[in-house]
Amino acid sequence: MKYIGIGTMLSILGVIGSILIWGKEEAHLLSGLLGGIFLVSAMLMSGAMASGDRMRANLATETNEDRNERNLLMNNALLLAIPNIIVAIFAYYL
């Protein structure tokens, strides 16, 4: 829940910053950019963008501790991305 709260605060600050910089019409830019960055980082950490051979090699060589840490970072990045994307979509249609 901590990362969802941090993501919500970042998205609100992103909307406020976008309004101050570009105006109401572009209120979705900074929060959408943050959401995209966090989403891409979660995809990279999960291995979703790697080939099957690379995934097999990673699973064979990493320890359980490394795998758990990578999965924790991926989940945290995803929890940061979700509020940013929701607020960006909401700000876009308002």
PDB file of N, CA and C in Angstrom:
ATOM      1  N   MET A   1       0.813  -1.193   0.000  1.00  0.00           N
ATOM      2  CA  MET A   1       0.000   0.000   0.000  1.00  0.00           C
ATOM      3  C   MET A   1       0.861   1.263   0.000  1.00  0.00           C
ATOM      4  N   LYS A   2       2.079   1.138   0.514  1.00  0.00           N
ATOM      5  CA  LYS A   2       2.957   2.294   0.577  1.00  0.00           C
ATOM      6  C   LYS A   2       3.288   2.789  -0.829  1.00  0.00           C
ATOM      7  N   TYR A   3       3.532   1.864  -1.754  1.00  0.00           N
ATOM      8  CA  TYR A   3       3.923   2.267  -3.103  1.00  0.00           C
ATOM      9  C   TYR A   3       2.744   2.822  -3.901  1.00  0.00           C
ATOM     10  N   ILE A   4       1.556   2.360  -3.616  1.00  0.00           N
ATOM     11  CA  ILE A   4       0.373   2.946  -4.266  1.00  0.00           C
ATOM     12  C   ILE A   4       0.190   4.386  -3.788  1.00  0.00           C
ATOM     13  N   GLY A   5       0.411   4.642  -2.502  1.00  0.00           N
ATOM     14  CA  GLY A   5       0.327   6.003  -1.973  1.00  0.00           C
ATOM     15  C   GLY A   5       1.393   6.909  -2.565  1.00  0.00           C
ATOM     16  N   ILE A   6       2.611   6.388  -2.688  1.00  0.00           N
ATOM     17  CA  ILE A   6       3.682   7.178  -3.296  1.00  0.00           C
ATOM     18  C   ILE A   6       3.356   7.452  -4.758  1.00  0.00           C
ATOM     19  N   GLY A   7       2.849   6.450  -5.466  1.00  0.00           N
ATOM     20  CA  GLY A   7       2.464   6.640  -6.866  1.00  0.00           C
ATOM     21  C   GLY A   7       1.345   7.646  -7.020  1.00  0.00           C
ATOM     22  N   THR A   8       0.403   7.633  -6.095  1.00  0.00           N
ATOM     23  CA  THR A   8      -0.689   8.609  -6.135  1.00  0.00           C
ATOM     24  C   THR A   8      -0.165  10.023  -5.908  1.00  0.00           C
ATOM     25  N   MET A   9       0.723  10.172  -4.951  1.00  0.00           N
ATOM     26  CA  MET A   9       1.304  11.498  -4.702  1.00  0.00           C
ATOM     27  C   MET A   9       2.106  11.978  -5.912  1.00  0.00           C
ATOM     28  N   LEU A  10       2.885  11.080  -6.538  1.00  0.00           N
ATOM     29  CA  LEU A  10       3.636  11.456  -7.731  1.00  0.00           C
ATOM     30  C   LEU A  10       2.709  11.850  -8.877  1.00  0.00           C
ATOM     31  N   SER A  11       1.591  11.144  -9.011  1.00  0.00           N
ATOM     32  CA  SER A  11       0.667  11.469 -10.096  1.00  0.00           C
ATOM     33  C   SER A  11      -0.014  12.814  -9.863  1.00  0.00           C
ATOM     34  N   ILE A  12      -0.367  13.107  -8.623  1.00  0.00           N
ATOM     35  CA  ILE A  12      -0.978  14.409  -8.318  1.00  0.00           C
ATOM     36  C   ILE A  12       0.028  15.532  -8.556  1.00  0.00           C
ATOM     37  N   LEU A  13       1.265  15.322  -8.111  1.00  0.00           N
ATOM     38  CA  LEU A  13       2.303  16.322  -8.363  1.00  0.00           C
ATOM     39  C   LEU A  13       2.578  16.465  -9.862  1.00  0.00           C
ATOM     40  N   GLY A  14       2.498  15.358 -10.604  1.00  0.00           N
ATOM     41  CA  GLY A  14       2.686  15.417 -12.045  1.00  0.00           C
ATOM     42  C   GLY A  14       1.604  16.216 -12.741  1.00  0.00           C
ATOM     43  N   VAL A  15       0.363  16.043 -12.309  1.00  0.00           N
ATOM     44  CA  VAL A  15      -0.743  16.813 -12.896  1.00  0.00           C
ATOM     45  C   VAL A  15      -0.600  18.295 -12.562  1.00  0.00           C
ATOM     46  N   ILE A  16      -0.272  18.591 -11.314  1.00  0.00           N
ATOM     47  CA  ILE A  16      -0.089  19.993 -10.920  1.00  0.00           C
ATOM     48  C   ILE A  16       1.066  20.615 -11.692  1.00  0.00           C
ATOM     49  N   GLY A  17       2.178  19.882 -11.818  1.00  0.00           N
ATOM     50  CA  GLY A  17       3.320  20.395 -12.567  1.00  0.00           C
ATOM     51  C   GLY A  17       3.002  20.596 -14.037  1.00  0.00           C
ATOM     52  N   SER A  18       2.252  19.679 -14.621  1.00  0.00           N
ATOM     53  CA  SER A  18       1.860  19.818 -16.028  1.00  0.00           C
ATOM     54  C   SER A  18       0.953  21.018 -16.237  1.00  0.00           C
ATOM     55  N   ILE A  19       0.030  21.232 -15.308  1.00  0.00           N
ATOM     56  CA  ILE A  19      -0.862  22.389 -15.425  1.00  0.00           C
ATOM     57  C   ILE A  19      -0.067  23.681 -15.316  1.00  0.00           C
ATOM     58  N   LEU A  20       0.904  23.715 -14.402  1.00  0.00           N
ATOM     59  CA  LEU A  20       1.712  24.917 -14.238  1.00  0.00           C
ATOM     60  C   LEU A  20       2.608  25.176 -15.448  1.00  0.00           C
ATOM     61  N   ILE A  21       3.122  24.120 -16.056  1.00  0.00           N
ATOM     62  CA  ILE A  21       4.046  24.289 -17.184  1.00  0.00           C
ATOM     63  C   ILE A  21       3.303  24.497 -18.496  1.00  0.00           C
ATOM     64  N   TRP A  22       2.344  23.606 -18.822  1.00  0.00           N
ATOM     65  CA  TRP A  22       1.714  23.617 -20.131  1.00  0.00           C
ATOM     66  C   TRP A  22       0.255  24.055 -20.135  1.00  0.00           C
ATOM     67  N   GLY A  23      -0.400  24.103 -19.020  1.00  0.00           N
ATOM     68  CA  GLY A  23      -1.804  24.485 -18.970  1.00  0.00           C
ATOM     69  C   GLY A  23      -2.712  23.277 -18.799  1.00  0.00           C
ATOM     70  N   LYS A  24      -4.017  23.549 -18.705  1.00  0.00           N
ATOM     71  CA  LYS A  24      -5.003  22.499 -18.445  1.00  0.00           C
ATOM     72  C   LYS A  24      -5.079  21.454 -19.552  1.00  0.00           C
ATOM     73  N   GLU A  25      -4.838  21.863 -20.790  1.00  0.00           N
ATOM     74  CA  GLU A  25      -4.995  20.936 -21.916  1.00  0.00           C
ATOM     75  C   GLU A  25      -3.983  19.805 -21.880  1.00  0.00           C
ATOM     76  N   GLU A  26      -2.834  20.043 -21.279  1.00  0.00           N
ATOM     77  CA  GLU A  26      -1.775  19.042 -21.236  1.00  0.00           C
ATOM     78  C   GLU A  26      -1.533  18.535 -19.817  1.00  0.00           C
ATOM     79  N   ALA A  27      -2.563  18.441 -19.017  1.00  0.00           N
ATOM     80  CA  ALA A  27      -2.430  18.059 -17.602  1.00  0.00           C
ATOM     81  C   ALA A  27      -2.008  16.607 -17.426  1.00  0.00           C
ATOM     82  N   HIS A  28      -2.132  15.821 -18.437  1.00  0.00           N
ATOM     83  CA  HIS A  28      -1.840  14.395 -18.332  1.00  0.00           C
ATOM     84  C   HIS A  28      -0.394  14.036 -18.653  1.00  0.00           C
ATOM     85  N   LEU A  29       0.405  14.959 -19.126  1.00  0.00           N
ATOM     86  CA  LEU A  29       1.725  14.632 -19.655  1.00  0.00           C
ATOM     87  C   LEU A  29       2.702  14.072 -18.624  1.00  0.00           C
ATOM     88  N   LEU A  30       2.947  14.776 -17.548  1.00  0.00           N
ATOM     89  CA  LEU A  30       3.957  14.317 -16.590  1.00  0.00           C
ATOM     90  C   LEU A  30       3.552  13.042 -15.867  1.00  0.00           C
ATOM     91  N   SER A  31       2.293  12.937 -15.477  1.00  0.00           N
ATOM     92  CA  SER A  31       1.879  11.707 -14.791  1.00  0.00           C
ATOM     93  C   SER A  31       1.863  10.528 -15.765  1.00  0.00           C
ATOM     94  N   GLY A  32       1.507  10.776 -17.015  1.00  0.00           N
ATOM     95  CA  GLY A  32       1.566   9.713 -18.015  1.00  0.00           C
ATOM     96  C   GLY A  32       2.991   9.283 -18.308  1.00  0.00           C
ATOM     97  N   LEU A  33       3.900  10.248 -18.342  1.00  0.00           N
ATOM     98  CA  LEU A  33       5.310   9.937 -18.560  1.00  0.00           C
ATOM     99  C   LEU A  33       5.870   9.121 -17.395  1.00  0.00           C
ATOM    100  N   LEU A  34       5.556   9.525 -16.172  1.00  0.00           N
ATOM    101  CA  LEU A  34       6.005   8.759 -15.006  1.00  0.00           C
ATOM    102  C   LEU A  34       5.431   7.345 -15.017  1.00  0.00           C
ATOM    103  N   GLY A  35       4.139   7.225 -15.333  1.00  0.00           N
ATOM    104  CA  GLY A  35       3.518   5.907 -15.403  1.00  0.00           C
ATOM    105  C   GLY A  35       4.167   5.036 -16.465  1.00  0.00           C
ATOM    106  N   GLY A  36       4.489   5.628 -17.601  1.00  0.00           N
ATOM    107  CA  GLY A  36       5.154   4.876 -18.663  1.00  0.00           C
ATOM    108  C   GLY A  36       6.543   4.430 -18.271  1.00  0.00           C
ATOM    109  N   ILE A  37       7.287   5.305 -17.599  1.00  0.00           N
ATOM    110  CA  ILE A  37       8.636   4.944 -17.160  1.00  0.00           C
ATOM    111  C   ILE A  37       8.589   3.803 -16.153  1.00  0.00           C
ATOM    112  N   PHE A  38       7.687   3.899 -15.191  1.00  0.00           N
ATOM    113  CA  PHE A  38       7.574   2.830 -14.195  1.00  0.00           C
ATOM    114  C   PHE A  38       7.083   1.531 -14.828  1.00  0.00           C
ATOM    115  N   LEU A  39       6.182   1.619 -15.797  1.00  0.00           N
ATOM    116  CA  LEU A  39       5.674   0.422 -16.462  1.00  0.00           C
ATOM    117  C   LEU A  39       6.762  -0.257 -17.285  1.00  0.00           C
ATOM    118  N   VAL A  40       7.541   0.509 -18.016  1.00  0.00           N
ATOM    119  CA  VAL A  40       8.632  -0.066 -18.811  1.00  0.00           C
ATOM    120  C   VAL A  40       9.690  -0.674 -17.897  1.00  0.00           C
ATOM    121  N   SER A  41       9.998  -0.024 -16.782  1.00  0.00           N
ATOM    122  CA  SER A  41      10.975  -0.600 -15.860  1.00  0.00           C
ATOM    123  C   SER A  41      10.451  -1.901 -15.246  1.00  0.00           C
ATOM    124  N   ALA A  42       9.154  -1.976 -14.964  1.00  0.00           N
ATOM    125  CA  ALA A  42       8.578  -3.225 -14.448  1.00  0.00           C
ATOM    126  C   ALA A  42       8.643  -4.319 -15.507  1.00  0.00           C
ATOM    127  N   MET A  43       8.404  -3.963 -16.757  1.00  0.00           N
ATOM    128  CA  MET A  43       8.489  -4.951 -17.833  1.00  0.00           C
ATOM    129  C   MET A  43       9.920  -5.450 -18.005  1.00  0.00           C
ATOM    130  N   LEU A  44      10.884  -4.561 -17.910  1.00  0.00           N
ATOM    131  CA  LEU A  44      12.276  -4.970 -18.043  1.00  0.00           C
ATOM    132  C   LEU A  44      12.711  -5.867 -16.890  1.00  0.00           C
ATOM    133  N   MET A  45      12.296  -5.525 -15.677  1.00  0.00           N
ATOM    134  CA  MET A  45      12.685  -6.328 -14.519  1.00  0.00           C
ATOM    135  C   MET A  45      11.994  -7.683 -14.494  1.00  0.00           C
ATOM    136  N   SER A  46      10.804  -7.772 -15.075  1.00  0.00           N
ATOM    137  CA  SER A  46      10.096  -9.050 -15.062  1.00  0.00           C
ATOM    138  C   SER A  46      10.655 -10.016 -16.088  1.00  0.00           C
ATOM    139  N   GLY A  47      11.343  -9.490 -17.084  1.00  0.00           N
ATOM    140  CA  GLY A  47      11.865 -10.343 -18.142  1.00  0.00           C
ATOM    141  C   GLY A  47      10.874 -10.540 -19.264  1.00  0.00           C
ATOM    142  N   ALA A  48       9.822  -9.758 -19.302  1.00  0.00           N
ATOM    143  CA  ALA A  48       8.796  -9.909 -20.327  1.00  0.00           C
ATOM    144  C   ALA A  48       9.301  -9.525 -21.707  1.00  0.00           C
ATOM    145  N   MET A  49      10.366  -8.768 -21.771  1.00  0.00           N
ATOM    146  CA  MET A  49      10.878  -8.325 -23.051  1.00  0.00           C
ATOM    147  C   MET A  49      12.097  -9.135 -23.495  1.00  0.00           C
ATOM    148  N   ALA A  50      12.398 -10.226 -22.797  1.00  0.00           N
ATOM    149  CA  ALA A  50      13.543 -11.065 -23.137  1.00  0.00           C
ATOM    150  C   ALA A  50      13.071 -12.295 -23.916  1.00  0.00           C
ATOM    151  N   SER A  51      13.985 -12.883 -24.656  1.00  0.00           N
ATOM    152  CA  SER A  51      13.646 -14.086 -25.411  1.00  0.00           C
ATOM    153  C   SER A  51      13.611 -15.290 -24.467  1.00  0.00           C
ATOM    154  N   GLY A  52      13.107 -16.379 -24.954  1.00  0.00           N
ATOM    155  CA  GLY A  52      13.003 -17.592 -24.146  1.00  0.00           C
ATOM    156  C   GLY A  52      14.349 -18.122 -23.718  1.00  0.00           C
ATOM    157  N   ASP A  53      15.331 -18.046 -24.615  1.00  0.00           N
ATOM    158  CA  ASP A  53      16.670 -18.515 -24.254  1.00  0.00           C
ATOM    159  C   ASP A  53      17.274 -17.667 -23.146  1.00  0.00           C
ATOM    160  N   ARG A  54      17.070 -16.371 -23.220  1.00  0.00           N
ATOM    161  CA  ARG A  54      17.608 -15.479 -22.208  1.00  0.00           C
ATOM    162  C   ARG A  54      16.911 -15.720 -20.872  1.00  0.00           C
ATOM    163  N   MET A  55      15.610 -15.932 -20.889  1.00  0.00           N
ATOM    164  CA  MET A  55      14.873 -16.208 -19.652  1.00  0.00           C
ATOM    165  C   MET A  55      15.349 -17.508 -19.011  1.00  0.00           C
ATOM    166  N   ARG A  56      15.566 -18.529 -19.831  1.00  0.00           N
ATOM    167  CA  ARG A  56      16.036 -19.803 -19.301  1.00  0.00           C
ATOM    168  C   ARG A  56      17.425 -19.646 -18.688  1.00  0.00           C
ATOM    169  N   ALA A  57      18.290 -18.887 -19.344  1.00  0.00           N
ATOM    170  CA  ALA A  57      19.634 -18.670 -18.812  1.00  0.00           C
ATOM    171  C   ALA A  57      19.577 -17.877 -17.512  1.00  0.00           C
ATOM    172  N   ASN A  58      18.704 -16.869 -17.452  1.00  0.00           N
ATOM    173  CA  ASN A  58      18.578 -16.086 -16.219  1.00  0.00           C
ATOM    174  C   ASN A  58      18.052 -16.934 -15.071  1.00  0.00           C
ATOM    175  N   LEU A  59      17.063 -17.760 -15.335  1.00  0.00           N
ATOM    176  CA  LEU A  59      16.502 -18.594 -14.273  1.00  0.00           C
ATOM    177  C   LEU A  59      17.500 -19.642 -13.798  1.00  0.00           C
ATOM    178  N   ALA A  60      18.373 -20.113 -14.706  1.00  0.00           N
ATOM    179  CA  ALA A  60      19.340 -21.133 -14.331  1.00  0.00           C
ATOM    180  C   ALA A  60      20.493 -20.569 -13.508  1.00  0.00           C
ATOM    181  N   THR A  61      20.820 -19.299 -13.708  1.00  0.00           N
ATOM    182  CA  THR A  61      22.008 -18.751 -13.051  1.00  0.00           C
ATOM    183  C   THR A  61      21.706 -17.891 -11.827  1.00  0.00           C
ATOM    184  N   GLU A  62      20.484 -17.406 -11.658  1.00  0.00           N
ATOM    185  CA  GLU A  62      20.215 -16.545 -10.511  1.00  0.00           C
ATOM    186  C   GLU A  62      19.773 -17.365  -9.306  1.00  0.00           C
ATOM    187  N   THR A  63      20.063 -16.841  -8.117  1.00  0.00           N
ATOM    188  CA  THR A  63      19.671 -17.519  -6.887  1.00  0.00           C
ATOM    189  C   THR A  63      18.241 -17.145  -6.520  1.00  0.00           C
ATOM    190  N   ASN A  64      17.687 -17.855  -5.566  1.00  0.00           N
ATOM    191  CA  ASN A  64      16.330 -17.540  -5.102  1.00  0.00           C
ATOM    192  C   ASN A  64      16.248 -16.144  -4.506  1.00  0.00           C
ATOM    193  N   GLU A  65      17.298 -15.728  -3.804  1.00  0.00           N
ATOM    194  CA  GLU A  65      17.310 -14.385  -3.215  1.00  0.00           C
ATOM    195  C   GLU A  65      17.293 -13.319  -4.304  1.00  0.00           C
ATOM    196  N   ASP A  66      18.087 -13.521  -5.350  1.00  0.00           N
ATOM    197  CA  ASP A  66      18.110 -12.563  -6.454  1.00  0.00           C
ATOM    198  C   ASP A  66      16.764 -12.518  -7.173  1.00  0.00           C
ATOM    199  N   ARG A  67      16.163 -13.660  -7.367  1.00  0.00           N
ATOM    200  CA  ARG A  67      14.871 -13.733  -8.043  1.00  0.00           C
ATOM    201  C   ARG A  67      13.783 -13.037  -7.211  1.00  0.00           C
ATOM    202  N   ASN A  68      13.809 -13.277  -5.902  1.00  0.00           N
ATOM    203  CA  ASN A  68      12.829 -12.627  -5.031  1.00  0.00           C
ATOM    204  C   ASN A  68      13.016 -11.117  -5.007  1.00  0.00           C
ATOM    205  N   GLU A  69      14.269 -10.651  -5.001  1.00  0.00           N
ATOM    206  CA  GLU A  69      14.523  -9.210  -5.017  1.00  0.00           C
ATOM    207  C   GLU A  69      14.069  -8.590  -6.334  1.00  0.00           C
ATOM    208  N   ARG A  70      14.334  -9.273  -7.446  1.00  0.00           N
ATOM    209  CA  ARG A  70      13.913  -8.773  -8.756  1.00  0.00           C
ATOM    210  C   ARG A  70      12.395  -8.709  -8.851  1.00  0.00           C
ATOM    211  N   ASN A  71      11.721  -9.737  -8.358  1.00  0.00           N
ATOM    212  CA  ASN A  71      10.258  -9.742  -8.375  1.00  0.00           C
ATOM    213  C   ASN A  71       9.677  -8.662  -7.461  1.00  0.00           C
ATOM    214  N   LEU A  72      10.314  -8.406  -6.321  1.00  0.00           N
ATOM    215  CA  LEU A  72       9.859  -7.345  -5.421  1.00  0.00           C
ATOM    216  C   LEU A  72      10.000  -5.974  -6.090  1.00  0.00           C
ATOM    217  N   LEU A  73      11.139  -5.736  -6.745  1.00  0.00           N
ATOM    218  CA  LEU A  73      11.333  -4.469  -7.451  1.00  0.00           C
ATOM    219  C   LEU A  73      10.336  -4.313  -8.594  1.00  0.00           C
ATOM    220  N   MET A  74      10.056  -5.405  -9.302  1.00  0.00           N
ATOM    221  CA  MET A  74       9.085  -5.359 -10.393  1.00  0.00           C
ATOM    222  C   MET A  74       7.693  -5.025  -9.866  1.00  0.00           C
ATOM    223  N   ASN A  75       7.288  -5.663  -8.788  1.00  0.00           N
ATOM    224  CA  ASN A  75       5.975  -5.382  -8.199  1.00  0.00           C
ATOM    225  C   ASN A  75       5.878  -3.948  -7.691  1.00  0.00           C
ATOM    226  N   ASN A  76       6.956  -3.447  -7.075  1.00  0.00           N
ATOM    227  CA  ASN A  76       6.945  -2.073  -6.585  1.00  0.00           C
ATOM    228  C   ASN A  76       6.849  -1.079  -7.732  1.00  0.00           C
ATOM    229  N   ALA A  77       7.571  -1.329  -8.821  1.00  0.00           N
ATOM    230  CA  ALA A  77       7.493  -0.433  -9.979  1.00  0.00           C
ATOM    231  C   ALA A  77       6.095  -0.469 -10.586  1.00  0.00           C
ATOM    232  N   LEU A  78       5.480  -1.636 -10.616  1.00  0.00           N
ATOM    233  CA  LEU A  78       4.124  -1.739 -11.142  1.00  0.00           C
ATOM    234  C   LEU A  78       3.122  -1.010 -10.245  1.00  0.00           C
ATOM    235  N   LEU A  79       3.304  -1.117  -8.936  1.00  0.00           N
ATOM    236  CA  LEU A  79       2.417  -0.404  -8.016  1.00  0.00           C
ATOM    237  C   LEU A  79       2.600   1.112  -8.110  1.00  0.00           C
ATOM    238  N   LEU A  80       3.787   1.573  -8.476  1.00  0.00           N
ATOM    239  CA  LEU A  80       4.000   2.995  -8.704  1.00  0.00           C
ATOM    240  C   LEU A  80       3.386   3.439 -10.025  1.00  0.00           C
ATOM    241  N   ALA A  81       3.352   2.558 -11.019  1.00  0.00           N
ATOM    242  CA  ALA A  81       2.859   2.915 -12.354  1.00  0.00           C
ATOM    243  C   ALA A  81       1.342   3.005 -12.406  1.00  0.00           C
ATOM    244  N   ILE A  82       0.650   2.146 -11.705  1.00  0.00           N
ATOM    245  CA  ILE A  82      -0.810   2.058 -11.826  1.00  0.00           C
ATOM    246  C   ILE A  82      -1.519   3.371 -11.490  1.00  0.00           C
ATOM    247  N   PRO A  83      -1.248   4.027 -10.343  1.00  0.00           N
ATOM    248  CA  PRO A  83      -1.954   5.291 -10.082  1.00  0.00           C
ATOM    249  C   PRO A  83      -1.603   6.383 -11.089  1.00  0.00           C
ATOM    250  N   ASN A  84      -0.354   6.407 -11.555  1.00  0.00           N
ATOM    251  CA  ASN A  84       0.047   7.412 -12.524  1.00  0.00           C
ATOM    252  C   ASN A  84      -0.707   7.247 -13.834  1.00  0.00           C
ATOM    253  N   ILE A  85      -0.866   6.030 -14.283  1.00  0.00           N
ATOM    254  CA  ILE A  85      -1.573   5.782 -15.540  1.00  0.00           C
ATOM    255  C   ILE A  85      -3.061   6.099 -15.386  1.00  0.00           C
ATOM    256  N   ILE A  86      -3.647   5.718 -14.263  1.00  0.00           N
ATOM    257  CA  ILE A  86      -5.068   6.001 -14.038  1.00  0.00           C
ATOM    258  C   ILE A  86      -5.323   7.508 -13.990  1.00  0.00           C
ATOM    259  N   VAL A  87      -4.485   8.237 -13.272  1.00  0.00           N
ATOM    260  CA  VAL A  87      -4.666   9.686 -13.181  1.00  0.00           C
ATOM    261  C   VAL A  87      -4.410  10.353 -14.541  1.00  0.00           C
ATOM    262  N   ALA A  88      -3.450   9.854 -15.310  1.00  0.00           N
ATOM    263  CA  ALA A  88      -3.179  10.422 -16.637  1.00  0.00           C
ATOM    264  C   ALA A  88      -4.367  10.214 -17.560  1.00  0.00           C
ATOM    265  N   ILE A  89      -4.976   9.045 -17.528  1.00  0.00           N
ATOM    266  CA  ILE A  89      -6.160   8.780 -18.354  1.00  0.00           C
ATOM    267  C   ILE A  89      -7.316   9.664 -17.900  1.00  0.00           C
ATOM    268  N   PHE A  90      -7.500   9.787 -16.606  1.00  0.00           N
ATOM    269  CA  PHE A  90      -8.560  10.622 -16.062  1.00  0.00           C
ATOM    270  C   PHE A  90      -8.347  12.096 -16.448  1.00  0.00           C
ATOM    271  N   ALA A  91      -7.112  12.586 -16.338  1.00  0.00           N
ATOM    272  CA  ALA A  91      -6.821  13.987 -16.676  1.00  0.00           C
ATOM    273  C   ALA A  91      -6.946  14.226 -18.184  1.00  0.00           C
ATOM    274  N   TYR A  92      -6.668  13.216 -18.982  1.00  0.00           N
ATOM    275  CA  TYR A  92      -6.764  13.365 -20.436  1.00  0.00           C
ATOM    276  C   TYR A  92      -8.205  13.586 -20.880  1.00  0.00           C
ATOM    277  N   TYR A  93      -9.129  12.860 -20.252  1.00  0.00           N
ATOM    278  CA  TYR A  93     -10.527  12.945 -20.675  1.00  0.00           C
ATOM    279  C   TYR A  93     -11.313  14.056 -19.982  1.00  0.00           C
ATOM    280  N   LEU A  94     -10.704  14.778 -19.072  1.00  0.00           N
ATOM    281  CA  LEU A  94     -11.396  15.902 -18.430  1.00  0.00           C
ATOM    282  C   LEU A  94     -11.068  17.164 -19.121  1.00  0.00           C
TER     283      LEU A  94
END
